Amino acid sequence: MQSPRIGAMPFWIHSLSYPRYSVKRNTYTIIMTLALAATPFAVRADISHQRMVMEHGAQVMPFDQKQAMHMFLPSATGGIVEIVVHDMNPTQIALVRSHLLQEAAMFTRGDYSDPAYIHGKTMPGLARLASAASRVTVRYFETPAGAAITLASADREIVSAIHQWLAAQQQDHSSSQTMNHCGMAM
C-alpha cells in the first residue's frame, strides 16, 4: 500500500459528490464571479466621477486646473486648502487668489456649496462643517504661487470632519491631475 503524500487531501474532498465541498465550491465560484463582474462597473464609476469633478471644477474655478495643483493638508487643529500655480503665471495666480478669497468668505458663513457641487453633496465631513460654521475659524492668505485657506476648530469632532472633507477632495484632485509643482514631481 502506498503511503499518502504529506498535506494530501482526503479522497472525498476531490469528489464532486461530497456535499459540503460542493456547497463551498459553488459559493466560492459565485462570489468570485460577482466580484469579477462588478470590477468594470467600479472602474467606470470612478472614471465617471473624475469626469464630473473636472467638468464641475471648470464651472466653479476661474483658473486653468491643468496649470495648478490643489493640496489638502490636515493639521492638528483642522487643515489647509492650498492651490499652487505650476509656472508662476501671474494671471493664473490672480485667478486662484480671487477664487480662494471668495471660497473663504463662503466657508465662514458655512456655505460649502462649491466643493459640494464639484465633489458631490455626500462628501465626508461636509454636512458637519456646514452646520458648525460658528465653531470653525477660516483664514485666507496668499502664497508666492497662489493662495491658501486654513480651517481650524477646538472641537475634536469638527477637526475630524475637516480631515474627512480634506481627504475626500485630495483623493479626487490627486487622481485627476499630475502632482507637479514648478517642474518638480510631488
Protein backbone atom coordinates (compact mmCIF):
# COMPACT_ATOMS: atom_id res chain seq x y z
CA MET A 1 0.00 0.00 0.00
CA GLN A 2 1.24 3.37 -0.93
CA SER A 3 1.57 5.98 1.84
CA PRO A 4 -0.34 9.23 1.38
CA ARG A 5 1.50 12.39 0.39
CA ILE A 6 2.08 14.85 3.20
CA GLY A 7 -0.60 17.52 3.04
CA ALA A 8 -2.71 15.50 0.63
CA MET A 9 -6.44 15.97 0.93
CA PRO A 10 -8.71 13.05 1.74
CA PHE A 11 -10.12 11.36 -1.34
CA TRP A 12 -13.68 12.54 -0.67
CA ILE A 13 -12.65 16.24 -0.94
CA HIS A 14 -11.87 15.63 -4.59
CA SER A 15 -15.22 14.03 -5.09
CA LEU A 16 -17.87 16.33 -6.50
CA SER A 17 -20.47 14.23 -4.74
CA TYR A 18 -19.22 15.30 -1.31
CA PRO A 19 -21.99 17.77 -0.37
CA ARG A 20 -20.05 20.14 1.90
CA TYR A 21 -17.28 20.58 -0.68
CA SER A 22 -19.80 21.12 -3.43
CA VAL A 23 -21.55 23.89 -1.47
CA LYS A 24 -18.25 25.58 -0.58
CA ARG A 25 -17.02 25.34 -4.16
CA ASN A 26 -20.27 26.71 -5.58
CA THR A 27 -20.33 29.56 -3.05
CA TYR A 28 -16.73 30.43 -3.83
CA THR A 29 -17.45 30.35 -7.58
CA ILE A 30 -20.47 32.61 -7.19
CA ILE A 31 -18.60 35.11 -5.01
CA MET A 32 -15.62 35.26 -7.37
CA THR A 33 -17.87 35.61 -10.42
CA LEU A 34 -19.77 38.50 -8.82
CA ALA A 35 -16.57 40.22 -7.71
CA LEU A 36 -15.00 39.98 -11.15
CA ALA A 37 -18.21 41.07 -12.86
CA ALA A 38 -18.50 44.14 -10.61
CA THR A 39 -14.93 45.35 -11.22
CA PRO A 40 -15.60 47.06 -14.58
CA PHE A 41 -18.57 48.91 -13.04
CA ALA A 42 -16.42 50.22 -10.18
CA VAL A 43 -13.76 51.41 -12.63
CA ARG A 44 -16.41 53.05 -14.83
CA ALA A 45 -17.97 54.74 -11.79
CA ASP A 46 -14.56 56.12 -10.76
CA ILE A 47 -13.88 57.42 -14.28
CA SER A 48 -17.35 58.95 -14.40
CA HIS A 49 -16.79 60.63 -11.01
CA GLN A 50 -13.43 62.03 -12.15
CA ARG A 51 -15.04 63.41 -15.30
CA MET A 52 -17.73 65.06 -13.15
CA VAL A 53 -15.10 66.58 -10.83
CA MET A 54 -13.20 68.08 -13.77
CA GLU A 55 -16.33 69.39 -15.50
CA HIS A 56 -17.87 70.89 -12.36
CA GLY A 57 -14.49 72.24 -11.28
CA ALA A 58 -14.17 74.12 -14.57
CA GLN A 59 -17.56 75.73 -13.91
CA VAL A 60 -16.70 76.81 -10.36
CA MET A 61 -12.98 77.62 -10.53
CA PRO A 62 -11.93 80.51 -12.82
CA PHE A 63 -8.33 79.35 -13.23
CA ASP A 64 -6.99 76.62 -15.51
CA GLN A 65 -6.97 73.45 -13.41
CA LYS A 66 -4.23 71.95 -15.57
CA GLN A 67 -1.90 74.82 -14.65
CA ALA A 68 -2.45 74.48 -10.90
CA MET A 69 -2.20 71.92 -8.15
CA HIS A 70 -4.63 71.52 -5.26
CA MET A 71 -3.25 70.40 -1.91
CA PHE A 72 -5.35 69.44 1.10
CA LEU A 73 -3.22 69.16 4.22
CA PRO A 74 -4.61 68.09 7.60
CA SER A 75 -3.26 69.70 10.77
CA ALA A 76 -3.77 69.13 14.48
CA THR A 77 -6.49 71.81 14.61
CA GLY A 78 -8.03 71.38 11.14
CA GLY A 79 -6.26 71.78 7.84
CA ILE A 80 -5.18 73.79 4.84
CA VAL A 81 -6.54 74.03 1.31
CA GLU A 82 -3.81 75.39 -0.96
CA ILE A 83 -3.74 75.97 -4.69
CA VAL A 84 -0.37 76.49 -6.35
CA VAL A 85 0.16 77.62 -9.96
CA HIS A 86 2.82 75.45 -11.64
CA ASP A 87 4.55 78.05 -13.81
CA MET A 88 4.04 81.17 -11.67
CA ASN A 89 1.75 82.67 -14.35
CA PRO A 90 0.59 85.99 -12.80
CA THR A 91 -2.85 85.80 -14.46
CA GLN A 92 -3.48 82.30 -13.11
CA ILE A 93 -2.18 83.29 -9.65
CA ALA A 94 -4.60 86.24 -9.57
CA LEU A 95 -7.48 83.93 -10.55
CA VAL A 96 -6.54 81.41 -7.85
CA ARG A 97 -6.36 84.17 -5.25
CA SER A 98 -9.73 85.66 -6.17
CA HIS A 99 -11.32 82.20 -6.12
CA LEU A 100 -9.94 81.22 -2.71
CA LEU A 101 -10.78 84.62 -1.22
CA GLN A 102 -14.39 84.11 -2.30
CA GLU A 103 -14.39 80.50 -1.02
CA ALA A 104 -13.02 81.61 2.38
CA ALA A 105 -15.86 84.14 2.72
CA MET A 106 -18.39 81.42 1.86
CA PHE A 107 -16.84 78.89 4.27
CA THR A 108 -17.01 81.45 7.07
CA ARG A 109 -20.81 81.51 6.58
CA GLY A 110 -20.97 77.71 6.47
CA ASP A 111 -21.53 77.73 2.71
CA TYR A 112 -19.64 74.82 1.17
CA SER A 113 -21.81 74.68 -1.94
CA ASP A 114 -18.92 74.98 -4.42
CA PRO A 115 -16.98 71.94 -3.13
CA ALA A 116 -20.30 70.08 -2.80
CA TYR A 117 -21.11 70.83 -6.44
CA ILE A 118 -17.65 69.75 -7.60
CA HIS A 119 -17.23 66.61 -5.48
CA GLY A 120 -20.80 65.63 -4.63
CA LYS A 121 -23.18 66.60 -1.85
CA THR A 122 -22.46 63.47 0.16
CA MET A 123 -18.71 64.04 0.56
CA PRO A 124 -17.43 63.06 4.02
CA GLY A 125 -17.40 65.81 6.66
CA LEU A 126 -19.39 68.28 4.54
CA ALA A 127 -22.67 68.32 6.49
CA ARG A 128 -20.83 68.68 9.80
CA LEU A 129 -18.76 71.61 8.53
CA ALA A 130 -21.77 73.40 7.08
CA SER A 131 -23.68 73.10 10.36
CA ALA A 132 -20.75 74.20 12.53
CA ALA A 133 -19.76 77.48 10.87
CA SER A 134 -19.64 79.39 14.17
CA ARG A 135 -17.05 76.91 15.53
CA VAL A 136 -14.73 76.91 12.50
CA THR A 137 -12.12 79.63 12.08
CA VAL A 138 -11.45 80.27 8.39
CA ARG A 139 -8.46 82.30 7.25
CA TYR A 140 -7.30 83.23 3.77
CA PHE A 141 -3.70 84.00 2.90
CA GLU A 142 -1.64 84.48 -0.24
CA THR A 143 1.37 82.38 -1.14
CA PRO A 144 4.04 83.24 -3.72
CA ALA A 145 2.45 80.90 -6.30
CA GLY A 146 -1.22 81.08 -5.33
CA ALA A 147 -3.26 81.17 -2.14
CA ALA A 148 -4.46 79.05 0.76
CA ILE A 149 -7.30 78.77 3.26
CA THR A 150 -6.90 77.39 6.77
CA LEU A 151 -9.79 75.83 8.64
CA ALA A 152 -9.41 75.34 12.39
CA SER A 153 -11.52 74.37 15.37
CA ALA A 154 -11.06 73.50 19.03
CA ASP A 155 -13.84 70.88 18.72
CA ARG A 156 -12.34 67.42 18.01
CA GLU A 157 -15.46 66.29 16.09
CA ILE A 158 -15.20 69.28 13.78
CA VAL A 159 -11.46 68.72 13.31
CA SER A 160 -12.31 65.15 12.31
CA ALA A 161 -14.92 66.45 9.85
CA ILE A 162 -12.33 68.84 8.37
CA HIS A 163 -9.89 65.94 7.96
CA GLN A 164 -12.55 63.79 6.24
CA TRP A 165 -13.54 66.67 3.96
CA LEU A 166 -9.91 67.38 3.01
CA ALA A 167 -9.16 63.69 2.37
CA ALA A 168 -12.17 63.35 0.04
CA GLN A 169 -11.03 66.34 -2.01
CA GLN A 170 -7.40 65.21 -2.04
CA GLN A 171 -8.46 61.85 -3.41
CA ASP A 172 -10.47 63.45 -6.22
CA HIS A 173 -7.85 66.03 -7.16
CA SER A 174 -4.86 63.68 -6.85
CA SER A 175 -6.32 61.18 -9.26
CA SER A 176 -7.37 63.83 -11.78
CA GLN A 177 -4.16 65.85 -12.01
CA THR A 178 -0.44 65.44 -12.04
CA MET A 179 1.14 66.19 -8.70
CA ASN A 180 3.75 68.57 -10.04
CA HIS A 181 4.90 71.90 -8.67
CA CYS A 182 7.31 74.20 -10.51
CA GLY A 183 8.62 71.29 -12.59
CA MET A 184 9.29 69.07 -9.57
CA ALA A 185 7.28 65.89 -9.15
CA MET A 186 5.44 65.79 -5.82
